Amino acid sequence: MLDHFSGGTPTVLSRMITRFADVARQDGQIPVVFLVQGRNPGDPDLLGLLKETLRMGDIPYLATADHQDPRDPSAFLSDGHYRPSVDALFGQAFLDLIGDLRP
């Protein structure tokens, strides 16, 4: 199991993701991790924390921050959810990702 963090939440997340991928593969499934970056400037950079775990484990992922700046207020509805157009962007990115993963 990968454990390149020095303790705390990143280690727990790293282990959870690695375990998820292991179990999915054992079940004959392709693991895909969806990283939804928070819009609060104080939120940790999920991809920054987990990219090495994902890379080392050869775990496919989709990071919302790769497709939409989470600090851009125009991407959100008043209730804090992404606008439908942004959801569609994420959906297409996910379809593209799983299309690339198919044997």
Protein backbone atom coordinates (compact mmCIF):
# COMPACT_ATOMS: atom_id res chain seq x y z
CA MET A 1 0.00 0.00 0.00
CA LEU A 2 1.28 3.46 -0.84
CA ASP A 3 2.07 5.71 2.07
CA HIS A 4 4.14 8.67 0.94
CA PHE A 5 2.48 11.20 3.26
CA SER A 6 3.79 11.92 6.71
CA GLY A 7 0.60 11.32 8.68
CA GLY A 8 -2.80 12.90 9.11
CA THR A 9 -5.65 13.25 6.65
CA PRO A 10 -3.59 12.88 3.43
CA THR A 11 -2.39 9.46 4.63
CA VAL A 12 -5.95 8.39 5.35
CA LEU A 13 -7.15 9.62 1.95
CA SER A 14 -4.22 7.96 0.22
CA ARG A 15 -4.99 4.65 1.90
CA MET A 16 -8.70 4.94 1.16
CA ILE A 17 -8.06 5.59 -2.52
CA THR A 18 -5.49 2.82 -2.80
CA ARG A 19 -7.79 0.36 -1.05
CA PHE A 20 -10.74 1.39 -3.22
CA ALA A 21 -8.67 0.78 -6.36
CA ASP A 22 -7.42 -2.58 -5.07
CA VAL A 23 -10.94 -3.80 -4.27
CA ALA A 24 -12.37 -2.53 -7.56
CA ARG A 25 -9.65 -4.32 -9.52
CA GLN A 26 -10.12 -7.52 -7.52
CA ASP A 27 -13.80 -7.36 -8.49
CA GLY A 28 -12.88 -6.95 -12.17
CA GLN A 29 -13.84 -3.28 -12.26
CA ILE A 30 -11.90 -0.20 -13.33
CA PRO A 31 -11.50 2.25 -10.45
CA VAL A 32 -12.04 5.92 -11.23
CA VAL A 33 -11.57 8.60 -8.56
CA PHE A 34 -13.55 11.83 -8.93
CA LEU A 35 -11.90 14.73 -7.08
CA VAL A 36 -14.38 17.55 -6.50
CA GLN A 37 -12.36 20.58 -5.45
CA GLY A 38 -14.03 22.92 -2.96
CA ARG A 39 -14.44 26.57 -3.86
CA ASN A 40 -13.30 27.93 -0.50
CA PRO A 41 -9.77 29.35 -0.83
CA GLY A 42 -8.87 27.56 2.41
CA ASP A 43 -9.77 24.13 1.03
CA PRO A 44 -6.80 21.86 0.41
CA ASP A 45 -5.73 21.20 -3.17
CA LEU A 46 -7.02 17.63 -3.54
CA LEU A 47 -5.11 16.87 -6.69
CA GLY A 48 -1.94 18.30 -5.18
CA LEU A 49 -2.37 16.04 -2.15
CA LEU A 50 -3.30 12.90 -4.04
CA LYS A 51 -1.70 13.06 -7.49
CA GLU A 52 1.31 10.97 -6.48
CA THR A 53 -0.94 8.29 -4.95
CA LEU A 54 -3.02 8.21 -8.11
CA ARG A 55 0.05 8.11 -10.35
CA MET A 56 1.87 5.44 -8.38
CA GLY A 57 -1.26 3.30 -8.18
CA ASP A 58 -2.08 3.84 -11.87
CA ILE A 59 -5.52 4.97 -10.73
CA PRO A 60 -7.59 6.92 -13.26
CA TYR A 61 -9.09 10.13 -11.94
CA LEU A 62 -11.05 13.18 -12.90
CA ALA A 63 -10.27 16.38 -11.01
CA THR A 64 -12.88 19.10 -11.35
CA ALA A 65 -10.17 21.76 -10.94
CA ASP A 66 -8.60 20.53 -14.21
CA HIS A 67 -11.78 21.54 -16.04
CA GLN A 68 -13.21 24.48 -14.08
CA ASP A 69 -11.57 26.99 -11.78
CA PRO A 70 -13.24 26.35 -8.41
CA ARG A 71 -12.57 29.96 -7.39
CA ASP A 72 -14.63 31.37 -10.27
CA PRO A 73 -17.96 32.43 -8.74
CA SER A 74 -19.69 32.46 -12.14
CA ALA A 75 -19.38 28.64 -12.24
CA PHE A 76 -21.82 28.27 -9.35
CA LEU A 77 -25.51 28.67 -8.68
CA SER A 78 -26.65 30.66 -5.66
CA ASP A 79 -27.04 27.43 -3.65
CA GLY A 80 -23.35 26.60 -4.11
CA HIS A 81 -23.76 23.84 -6.69
CA TYR A 82 -22.11 24.02 -10.08
CA ARG A 83 -24.16 25.43 -12.95
CA PRO A 84 -25.67 22.82 -15.29
CA SER A 85 -23.23 23.83 -18.03
CA VAL A 86 -20.30 23.07 -15.72
CA ASP A 87 -21.88 19.77 -14.69
CA ALA A 88 -22.16 18.93 -18.40
CA LEU A 89 -18.47 19.76 -18.83
CA PHE A 90 -17.56 17.37 -16.01
CA GLY A 91 -19.88 14.73 -17.43
CA GLN A 92 -18.25 14.90 -20.84
CA ALA A 93 -14.79 14.76 -19.29
CA PHE A 94 -15.85 11.64 -17.38
CA LEU A 95 -17.25 10.01 -20.53
CA ASP A 96 -14.01 10.82 -22.36
CA LEU A 97 -11.99 9.32 -19.51
CA ILE A 98 -13.90 6.06 -19.33
CA GLY A 99 -13.90 5.84 -23.14
CA ASP A 100 -10.10 5.95 -23.01
CA LEU A 101 -10.05 3.20 -20.35
CA ARG A 102 -12.12 0.67 -22.24
CA PRO A 103 -10.13 -2.28 -23.57
